[in-house]
N, C-alpha and C. Protein backbone atom coordinates (compact mmCIF):
# COMPACT_ATOMS: atom_id res chain seq x y z
N UNK A 1 33.19 -5.16 -20.21
CA UNK A 1 32.41 -6.58 -20.68
C UNK A 1 32.68 -7.38 -21.67
N UNK A 2 31.94 -8.52 -21.60
CA UNK A 2 32.16 -9.75 -21.95
C UNK A 2 31.23 -10.17 -23.65
N UNK A 3 32.78 -11.18 -24.04
CA UNK A 3 31.91 -11.18 -25.75
C UNK A 3 32.05 -12.30 -25.40
N UNK A 4 31.28 -12.84 -26.48
CA UNK A 4 31.33 -14.31 -26.70
C UNK A 4 32.35 -14.04 -27.66
N UNK A 5 32.96 -14.96 -28.18
CA UNK A 5 33.83 -15.37 -29.32
C UNK A 5 32.31 -16.91 -29.68
N UNK A 6 32.54 -16.50 -31.26
CA UNK A 6 32.24 -17.59 -31.73
C UNK A 6 32.61 -18.54 -32.33
N UNK A 7 32.84 -19.74 -32.28
CA UNK A 7 33.17 -21.32 -33.09
C UNK A 7 33.41 -20.33 -35.18
N UNK A 8 35.31 -20.93 -35.25
CA UNK A 8 35.08 -20.77 -36.65
C UNK A 8 33.98 -22.26 -37.02
N UNK A 9 33.46 -21.87 -37.87
CA UNK A 9 32.68 -22.07 -38.87
C UNK A 9 33.64 -23.61 -40.33
N UNK A 10 32.25 -24.51 -40.19
CA UNK A 10 33.01 -25.42 -40.89
C UNK A 10 32.16 -25.66 -41.84
N UNK A 11 33.35 -25.87 -42.82
CA UNK A 11 31.98 -26.18 -44.12
C UNK A 11 32.25 -27.69 -44.35
N UNK A 12 31.38 -28.03 -45.98
CA UNK A 12 31.18 -29.33 -45.77
C UNK A 12 32.17 -30.55 -45.62
N UNK A 13 33.45 -29.87 -46.15
CA UNK A 13 34.54 -30.66 -46.49
C UNK A 13 35.02 -31.30 -44.94
N UNK A 14 34.77 -30.30 -43.97
CA UNK A 14 35.37 -30.40 -42.64
C UNK A 14 36.34 -30.00 -42.23
N UNK A 15 36.94 -28.53 -42.61
CA UNK A 15 37.71 -27.92 -42.85
C UNK A 15 37.05 -26.73 -41.77
N UNK A 16 38.13 -25.89 -41.13
CA UNK A 16 37.34 -24.91 -41.09
C UNK A 16 37.85 -24.06 -41.85
N UNK A 17 36.57 -22.31 -41.58
CA UNK A 17 37.49 -21.00 -42.12
C UNK A 17 35.81 -20.33 -42.36
N UNK A 18 36.26 -20.19 -43.46
CA UNK A 18 34.44 -19.00 -43.11
C UNK A 18 33.75 -19.51 -44.44
N UNK A 19 33.18 -19.51 -44.18
CA UNK A 19 31.71 -20.00 -45.39
C UNK A 19 31.21 -19.84 -46.52
N UNK A 20 31.59 -21.05 -46.83
CA UNK A 20 32.01 -21.08 -48.70
C UNK A 20 33.38 -21.24 -49.30
N UNK A 21 34.57 -21.50 -48.03
CA UNK A 21 35.66 -21.48 -48.84
C UNK A 21 35.88 -22.54 -49.60
N UNK A 22 36.08 -23.47 -50.32
CA UNK A 22 36.98 -25.15 -50.08
C UNK A 22 37.88 -24.91 -50.71
N UNK A 23 38.89 -26.35 -50.24
CA UNK A 23 40.11 -26.65 -50.27
C UNK A 23 40.40 -27.08 -51.74
N UNK A 24 40.78 -26.70 -52.76
CA UNK A 24 41.10 -27.30 -53.29
C UNK A 24 42.11 -28.04 -53.72
N UNK A 25 42.69 -29.31 -54.37
CA UNK A 25 43.72 -30.14 -54.29
C UNK A 25 44.48 -29.30 -55.20
N UNK A 26 46.31 -29.96 -54.65
CA UNK A 26 47.28 -29.53 -55.93
C UNK A 26 47.32 -30.73 -57.12
N UNK A 27 47.47 -30.04 -58.37
CA UNK A 27 47.15 -30.66 -59.62
C UNK A 27 49.20 -31.52 -59.46
N UNK A 28 48.88 -33.09 -60.05
CA UNK A 28 50.19 -33.36 -59.66
C UNK A 28 51.38 -33.08 -61.21
N UNK A 29 50.21 -32.36 -61.69
CA UNK A 29 51.40 -31.58 -62.77
C UNK A 29 51.98 -30.48 -62.54
N UNK A 30 51.77 -30.13 -61.26
CA UNK A 30 52.17 -28.47 -60.77
C UNK A 30 53.27 -29.10 -59.57
N UNK A 31 53.00 -30.04 -59.12
CA UNK A 31 53.95 -31.25 -58.04
C UNK A 31 54.86 -31.51 -58.40
N UNK A 32 54.42 -32.52 -59.74
CA UNK A 32 55.80 -32.89 -60.25
C UNK A 32 57.26 -32.92 -60.15
N UNK A 33 57.51 -31.57 -61.27
CA UNK A 33 58.46 -30.85 -61.32
C UNK A 33 59.65 -31.18 -59.88
N UNK A 34 58.90 -30.95 -59.37
CA UNK A 34 59.32 -30.16 -57.67
C UNK A 34 59.40 -31.68 -56.97
N UNK A 35 58.87 -31.92 -56.41
CA UNK A 35 58.73 -33.32 -56.60
C UNK A 35 60.02 -34.60 -57.29
N UNK A 36 60.31 -34.37 -58.68
CA UNK A 36 61.77 -35.10 -59.52
C UNK A 36 63.40 -34.09 -58.80
N UNK A 37 62.76 -32.53 -58.32
CA UNK A 37 63.87 -31.80 -58.25
C UNK A 37 64.24 -32.29 -56.93
N UNK A 38 63.45 -32.18 -56.59
CA UNK A 38 63.74 -31.92 -54.54
C UNK A 38 64.40 -33.96 -54.45
N UNK A 39 64.21 -34.91 -55.26
CA UNK A 39 64.89 -35.95 -54.67
C UNK A 39 65.61 -36.11 -55.95
N UNK A 40 66.16 -35.45 -56.77
CA UNK A 40 66.91 -35.60 -57.88
C UNK A 40 68.58 -34.53 -56.65
N UNK A 41 68.33 -33.26 -56.38
CA UNK A 41 69.07 -33.08 -55.08
C UNK A 41 69.24 -33.27 -53.83
N UNK A 42 67.93 -34.47 -53.57
CA UNK A 42 68.81 -35.73 -52.08
C UNK A 42 69.32 -36.51 -52.09
N UNK A 43 69.96 -37.37 -53.84
CA UNK A 43 70.44 -38.10 -54.15
C UNK A 43 71.84 -38.24 -54.49
N UNK A 44 72.28 -36.59 -54.50
CA UNK A 44 73.40 -35.86 -54.89
C UNK A 44 73.96 -35.41 -53.77
N UNK A 45 72.67 -35.03 -52.71
CA UNK A 45 73.61 -34.79 -50.67
C UNK A 45 73.87 -36.18 -50.63
N UNK A 46 73.51 -37.31 -51.36
CA UNK A 46 73.48 -38.16 -50.43
C UNK A 46 74.93 -39.33 -50.95
N UNK A 47 74.55 -38.79 -52.00
CA UNK A 47 76.28 -39.34 -53.18
C UNK A 47 77.44 -38.30 -52.13
N UNK A 48 77.05 -37.51 -52.40
CA UNK A 48 78.67 -36.59 -51.34
C UNK A 48 78.35 -37.27 -49.90
N UNK A 49 77.95 -37.23 -48.96
CA UNK A 49 77.83 -37.50 -47.94
C UNK A 49 78.67 -38.50 -48.15
N UNK A 50 77.66 -40.03 -48.70
CA UNK A 50 78.01 -41.45 -48.37
C UNK A 50 78.83 -42.31 -49.16
N UNK A 51 79.46 -41.19 -50.38
CA UNK A 51 80.09 -42.77 -50.62
C UNK A 51 81.65 -41.66 -51.92
N UNK A 52 81.22 -39.96 -51.67
CA UNK A 52 82.13 -39.25 -52.57
C UNK A 52 83.56 -39.51 -51.92
N UNK A 53 84.08 -40.81 -51.95
CA UNK A 53 85.90 -40.40 -51.34
C UNK A 53 86.21 -41.81 -52.02
N UNK A 54 87.53 -42.17 -52.56
CA UNK A 54 87.84 -43.75 -52.96
C UNK A 54 88.03 -43.61 -54.71
N UNK A 55 87.34 -44.53 -54.79
CA UNK A 55 87.40 -45.32 -56.87
C UNK A 55 86.43 -43.94 -56.71
N UNK A 56 85.23 -44.07 -56.23
CA UNK A 56 84.43 -42.91 -56.79
C UNK A 56 83.86 -41.65 -56.95
N UNK A 57 85.10 -41.12 -56.17
CA UNK A 57 85.18 -39.99 -55.78
C UNK A 57 84.96 -38.40 -57.24
N UNK A 58 84.52 -38.07 -57.32
CA UNK A 58 84.30 -36.38 -58.37
C UNK A 58 85.13 -36.10 -58.37
N UNK A 59 85.46 -35.58 -57.18
CA UNK A 59 86.36 -33.83 -57.34
C UNK A 59 87.68 -34.95 -56.21
N UNK A 60 89.40 -34.57 -57.09
CA UNK A 60 90.16 -34.64 -56.49
C UNK A 60 90.53 -35.33 -54.84
N UNK A 61 91.68 -35.11 -54.52
CA UNK A 61 91.07 -35.01 -52.92
C UNK A 61 90.77 -35.50 -52.07
N UNK A 62 90.44 -35.00 -50.72
CA UNK A 62 89.63 -34.81 -49.16
C UNK A 62 88.81 -33.90 -48.79
N UNK A 63 89.04 -32.98 -49.56
CA UNK A 63 88.13 -31.73 -48.71
C UNK A 63 86.75 -32.22 -48.99
N UNK A 64 86.48 -32.82 -49.54
CA UNK A 64 84.55 -32.70 -50.04
C UNK A 64 84.26 -33.92 -49.21
N UNK A 65 85.21 -34.14 -49.02
CA UNK A 65 85.47 -35.82 -47.38
C UNK A 65 85.07 -34.95 -46.35
N UNK A 66 85.84 -34.02 -45.89
CA UNK A 66 86.31 -33.30 -44.90
C UNK A 66 84.94 -33.07 -44.12
N UNK A 67 84.43 -32.16 -45.61
CA UNK A 67 83.19 -30.98 -45.23
C UNK A 67 81.88 -31.59 -44.80
N UNK A 68 82.25 -32.89 -45.25
CA UNK A 68 80.58 -33.64 -45.01
C UNK A 68 81.24 -35.23 -43.67
N UNK A 69 82.45 -34.64 -43.01
CA UNK A 69 82.75 -35.86 -42.19
C UNK A 69 81.61 -36.21 -40.83
N UNK A 70 81.33 -34.80 -40.88
CA UNK A 70 80.35 -35.15 -39.34
C UNK A 70 78.99 -35.27 -39.12
N UNK A 71 78.57 -35.49 -41.30
CA UNK A 71 78.28 -35.76 -41.54
C UNK A 71 78.16 -36.67 -41.83
N UNK A 72 78.82 -38.20 -42.52
CA UNK A 72 78.68 -39.07 -42.88
C UNK A 72 78.87 -40.00 -41.38
N UNK A 73 79.58 -39.82 -40.25
CA UNK A 73 79.25 -39.96 -39.19
C UNK A 73 77.84 -40.34 -37.95
N UNK A 74 76.90 -38.58 -38.70
CA UNK A 74 75.72 -38.43 -37.71
C UNK A 74 74.55 -39.78 -38.85
N UNK A 75 74.65 -39.48 -40.54
CA UNK A 75 73.69 -40.90 -40.85
C UNK A 75 75.29 -42.04 -40.90
N UNK A 76 75.78 -42.65 -40.24
CA UNK A 76 75.58 -44.10 -39.93
C UNK A 76 76.32 -44.42 -40.83
N UNK A 77 77.40 -43.61 -41.86
CA UNK A 77 78.34 -43.87 -42.24
C UNK A 77 79.44 -44.13 -42.15
N UNK A 78 80.68 -45.71 -42.27
CA UNK A 78 81.35 -45.75 -42.36
C UNK A 78 82.80 -45.00 -43.05
N UNK A 79 83.65 -44.53 -42.18
CA UNK A 79 84.28 -43.62 -42.64
C UNK A 79 86.07 -43.79 -42.40
N UNK A 80 86.33 -43.92 -41.32
CA UNK A 80 87.78 -45.26 -40.62
C UNK A 80 87.49 -45.63 -40.09
């Protein structure tokens, strides 16, 4: 037996889904804390990969430098 498959319904907003559903945007108040957190985390990671050595070192020794050594080369930071 052959069965026909109906195409998905398209709402007035142009999205597919069940009839009568609408996509509600996320409020900025809900997204902003996460954006600030992720941005801060990225800046900290960028610091440790790019500048954690020498005069600006937070930790003494070369352990952090050795942990992120390959990442430094991958991102194009001069290393040695």
